[in-house]
C-alpha cells in the first residue's frame, strides 16, 4: 500500500456502508497494527493510518452480530477481507497487509492452528507417515506452512481451490508428488482432523 491513509479511509467507508445498509449491530476499528485505532469513522481512520508502520492495517469487529461474520469458519469475515484487498488493488503476496477479525476469532483460530501443527509434528516424527490437514483458505495455509517450517520437516500444498490443503511430510520425504485429495480422504484420521477445525 503506497497511501495507507487513503487505504484506511477506503476500508472505513466500505465497512460503514456494509454495517449500516445491512442493518447489522456491529462496531469496527480500523487501525495500524500497534497504532491508535480508528473507531469506525473515516477521519479517525486517516489519523490512525498516519502513525506508526504504514504497511499493515487491521480491522476488528465488535458487537452483537459478530456471529454473522464468524459463522461457517468465518466465511463472511474472510469475504469482507477479500473484498477489501481487491478494493485496494493489492497483489496476492500483499494480502497480509490487511487483516480482518471479529471478537478475536482469527487470533483464537491461529492458536488452534499452532496446536494442530505441534500435534502433527509429533505424529509425523513418531509414525514416519505424512500428515494431511483439512482444506483451509490461503491465509491459514500460509500461516500453517510458517509454523510447520520451525520443525524443519518438509511441507507441500495439494488440491485445488477451496479444497486446497497442507501436508506435513517426514524428514527426507519426496514432496514433488503431493498427496491427492482422495488420498487425504482415505486417511483414517481425516474426519477427526476435519471435525477439530469445524466451527459449530
Protein backbone atom coordinates (compact mmCIF):
# COMPACT_ATOMS: atom_id res chain seq x y z
CA UNK A 1 0.00 0.00 0.00
CA UNK A 2 1.54 3.26 -1.10
CA UNK A 3 -1.02 5.51 0.62
CA UNK A 4 -2.09 3.86 3.85
CA UNK A 5 -4.24 6.84 4.91
CA UNK A 6 -6.30 6.50 1.74
CA UNK A 7 -6.47 2.73 2.22
CA UNK A 8 -7.80 3.20 5.78
CA UNK A 9 -10.43 5.69 4.54
CA UNK A 10 -11.49 3.31 1.77
CA UNK A 11 -11.90 0.39 4.17
CA UNK A 12 -13.73 2.52 6.77
CA UNK A 13 -16.15 3.88 4.14
CA UNK A 14 -16.84 0.41 2.77
CA UNK A 15 -17.50 -1.00 6.25
CA UNK A 16 -19.71 1.92 7.28
CA UNK A 17 -21.87 1.22 4.23
CA UNK A 18 -21.86 -2.54 4.85
CA UNK A 19 -22.89 -2.29 8.51
CA UNK A 20 -25.45 0.49 8.16
CA UNK A 21 -27.17 -0.76 4.99
CA UNK A 22 -27.07 -4.32 6.25
CA UNK A 23 -28.74 -3.30 9.50
CA UNK A 24 -26.01 -5.08 11.44
CA UNK A 25 -25.30 -4.31 15.07
CA UNK A 26 -21.56 -4.08 14.58
CA UNK A 27 -18.83 -1.63 15.51
CA UNK A 28 -15.39 -1.75 13.96
CA UNK A 29 -11.93 -0.32 14.41
CA UNK A 30 -9.57 0.31 11.51
CA UNK A 31 -6.06 0.63 12.87
CA UNK A 32 -2.42 0.17 12.17
CA UNK A 33 -1.06 -2.82 13.98
CA UNK A 34 0.20 -1.42 17.25
CA UNK A 35 -1.13 2.08 16.49
CA UNK A 36 -4.07 4.10 17.80
CA UNK A 37 -7.41 2.84 16.49
CA UNK A 38 -9.98 4.50 14.27
CA UNK A 39 -13.42 3.76 15.70
CA UNK A 40 -15.45 3.37 12.56
CA UNK A 41 -15.04 6.87 11.11
CA UNK A 42 -13.11 7.91 8.04
CA UNK A 43 -11.42 10.89 9.75
CA UNK A 44 -10.20 8.78 12.64
CA UNK A 45 -9.06 6.06 10.22
CA UNK A 46 -6.87 8.61 8.47
CA UNK A 47 -5.37 9.76 11.78
CA UNK A 48 -4.52 6.18 12.71
CA UNK A 49 -3.09 5.46 9.29
CA UNK A 50 -0.65 8.35 9.51
CA UNK A 51 1.03 6.97 12.65
CA UNK A 52 3.46 4.07 13.03
CA UNK A 53 4.03 1.30 10.47
CA UNK A 54 2.41 2.43 7.20
CA UNK A 55 2.22 -1.05 5.69
CA UNK A 56 -0.29 -3.03 7.77
CA UNK A 57 -3.92 -2.28 8.54
CA UNK A 58 -6.16 -4.37 10.77
CA UNK A 59 -9.90 -4.27 11.32
CA UNK A 60 -11.55 -5.58 14.48
CA UNK A 61 -15.33 -6.03 14.62
CA UNK A 62 -17.29 -5.99 17.88
CA UNK A 63 -20.99 -6.14 18.72
CA UNK A 64 -23.97 -8.47 19.00
CA UNK A 65 -23.90 -9.51 15.33
CA UNK A 66 -20.28 -10.73 15.17
CA UNK A 67 -21.53 -14.36 14.97
CA UNK A 68 -22.85 -13.46 11.50
CA UNK A 69 -19.25 -12.80 10.47
CA UNK A 70 -17.67 -15.82 12.14
CA UNK A 71 -20.25 -18.50 11.26
CA UNK A 72 -19.17 -21.34 8.96
CA UNK A 73 -15.49 -20.91 9.81
CA UNK A 74 -15.56 -17.15 9.28
CA UNK A 75 -16.83 -17.18 5.68
CA UNK A 76 -18.35 -13.67 5.80
CA UNK A 77 -15.33 -12.25 7.66
CA UNK A 78 -12.97 -13.74 5.07
CA UNK A 79 -15.19 -12.48 2.24
CA UNK A 80 -15.11 -8.92 3.63
CA UNK A 81 -11.33 -9.08 3.93
CA UNK A 82 -11.10 -10.38 0.35
CA UNK A 83 -13.30 -7.55 -0.94
CA UNK A 84 -11.17 -5.01 0.93
CA UNK A 85 -7.88 -6.22 -0.56
CA UNK A 86 -9.46 -6.23 -4.02
CA UNK A 87 -10.74 -2.66 -3.50
CA UNK A 88 -7.19 -1.63 -2.55
CA UNK A 89 -5.73 -3.37 -5.59
CA UNK A 90 -3.30 -5.47 -3.56
CA UNK A 91 -1.41 -8.30 -5.21
CA UNK A 92 -1.82 -11.81 -3.70
CA UNK A 93 1.55 -11.59 -1.94
CA UNK A 94 0.41 -8.32 -0.31
CA UNK A 95 -2.87 -9.65 1.12
CA UNK A 96 -1.40 -9.99 4.62
CA UNK A 97 -1.13 -6.19 4.73
CA UNK A 98 -4.85 -6.12 5.62
CA UNK A 99 -6.37 -8.32 8.31
CA UNK A 100 -10.00 -8.53 9.49
CA UNK A 101 -11.02 -10.11 12.79
CA UNK A 102 -14.19 -10.32 14.90
CA UNK A 103 -14.18 -10.86 18.66
CA UNK A 104 -10.69 -12.38 18.32
CA UNK A 105 -12.00 -15.17 16.08
CA UNK A 106 -8.85 -15.26 13.94
CA UNK A 107 -6.43 -14.93 16.85
CA UNK A 108 -8.19 -17.89 18.52
CA UNK A 109 -8.07 -19.77 15.22
CA UNK A 110 -4.34 -19.04 14.97
CA UNK A 111 -3.82 -20.64 18.38
CA UNK A 112 -5.78 -23.69 17.17
CA UNK A 113 -3.58 -23.89 14.06
CA UNK A 114 -0.43 -23.79 16.18
CA UNK A 115 -1.74 -26.53 18.48
CA UNK A 116 -2.74 -28.69 15.48
CA UNK A 117 0.69 -28.10 13.90
CA UNK A 118 2.51 -29.15 17.08
CA UNK A 119 0.42 -32.33 17.32
CA UNK A 120 1.07 -33.12 13.63
CA UNK A 121 4.82 -32.61 14.00
CA UNK A 122 4.90 -35.08 16.92
CA UNK A 123 2.78 -37.57 14.96
CA UNK A 124 4.92 -37.41 11.80
CA UNK A 125 8.12 -37.83 13.80
CA UNK A 126 6.62 -40.82 15.63
CA UNK A 127 4.96 -42.62 12.71
CA UNK A 128 7.13 -41.52 9.78
CA UNK A 129 3.95 -41.01 7.72
CA UNK A 130 2.70 -37.81 6.02
CA UNK A 131 0.03 -35.85 7.86
CA UNK A 132 -2.66 -34.04 5.79
CA UNK A 133 -4.52 -31.10 7.28
CA UNK A 134 -8.12 -30.26 6.33
CA UNK A 135 -8.72 -27.79 3.49
CA UNK A 136 -8.31 -24.16 4.54
CA UNK A 137 -8.04 -20.71 2.99
CA UNK A 138 -4.79 -19.26 1.64
CA UNK A 139 -4.12 -17.14 4.74
CA UNK A 140 -4.34 -20.15 7.04
CA UNK A 141 -2.28 -22.35 4.68
CA UNK A 142 0.43 -19.71 4.58
CA UNK A 143 0.43 -19.42 8.36
CA UNK A 144 0.48 -23.21 8.76
CA UNK A 145 3.47 -23.52 6.41
CA UNK A 146 5.31 -20.90 8.51
CA UNK A 147 4.53 -22.64 11.80
CA UNK A 148 5.49 -26.06 10.43
CA UNK A 149 8.74 -24.71 8.95
CA UNK A 150 10.02 -24.26 12.51
CA UNK A 151 10.16 -28.07 12.78
CA UNK A 152 12.48 -28.47 9.79
CA UNK A 153 10.08 -31.02 8.25
CA UNK A 154 9.00 -30.52 4.62
CA UNK A 155 5.51 -29.34 3.71
CA UNK A 156 3.55 -29.00 0.49
CA UNK A 157 0.11 -27.80 -0.54
CA UNK A 158 -2.16 -30.03 -2.57
CA UNK A 159 -5.66 -29.89 -4.03
CA UNK A 160 -7.48 -27.15 -5.88
CA UNK A 161 -9.48 -24.06 -4.90
CA UNK A 162 -11.50 -24.37 -1.70
CA UNK A 163 -10.26 -27.96 -1.32
CA UNK A 164 -6.58 -26.99 -1.14
CA UNK A 165 -4.78 -28.37 1.93
CA UNK A 166 -1.34 -28.62 3.55
CA UNK A 167 0.57 -31.88 4.04
CA UNK A 168 3.41 -32.29 6.53
CA UNK A 169 5.96 -34.90 5.45
CA UNK A 170 8.60 -36.83 7.40
CA UNK A 171 12.22 -35.78 7.06
CA UNK A 172 13.72 -36.68 3.68
CA UNK A 173 10.35 -37.41 2.04
CA UNK A 174 9.78 -36.62 -1.63
CA UNK A 175 7.21 -33.81 -1.82
CA UNK A 176 7.36 -33.45 -5.62
CA UNK A 177 4.17 -35.57 -5.90
CA UNK A 178 1.92 -34.13 -3.18
CA UNK A 179 -0.90 -36.16 -1.67
CA UNK A 180 -4.12 -36.10 -3.65
CA UNK A 181 -7.44 -35.09 -2.06
CA UNK A 182 -8.62 -38.70 -2.49
CA UNK A 183 -5.60 -39.99 -0.55
CA UNK A 184 -6.30 -37.38 2.10
CA UNK A 185 -9.88 -38.61 2.48
CA UNK A 186 -8.66 -42.22 2.88
CA UNK A 187 -6.51 -41.28 5.85
CA UNK A 188 -8.13 -42.90 8.92
CA UNK A 189 -7.86 -39.74 10.97
CA UNK A 190 -9.06 -37.35 8.22
CA UNK A 191 -12.57 -36.96 9.60
CA UNK A 192 -11.32 -36.44 13.16
CA UNK A 193 -8.91 -33.73 11.99
CA UNK A 194 -11.59 -32.05 9.86
CA UNK A 195 -14.04 -32.09 12.76
CA UNK A 196 -11.50 -30.42 15.03
CA UNK A 197 -11.38 -27.45 12.63
CA UNK A 198 -15.12 -27.24 12.06
CA UNK A 199 -16.80 -24.38 13.94
CA UNK A 200 -20.29 -25.11 15.19
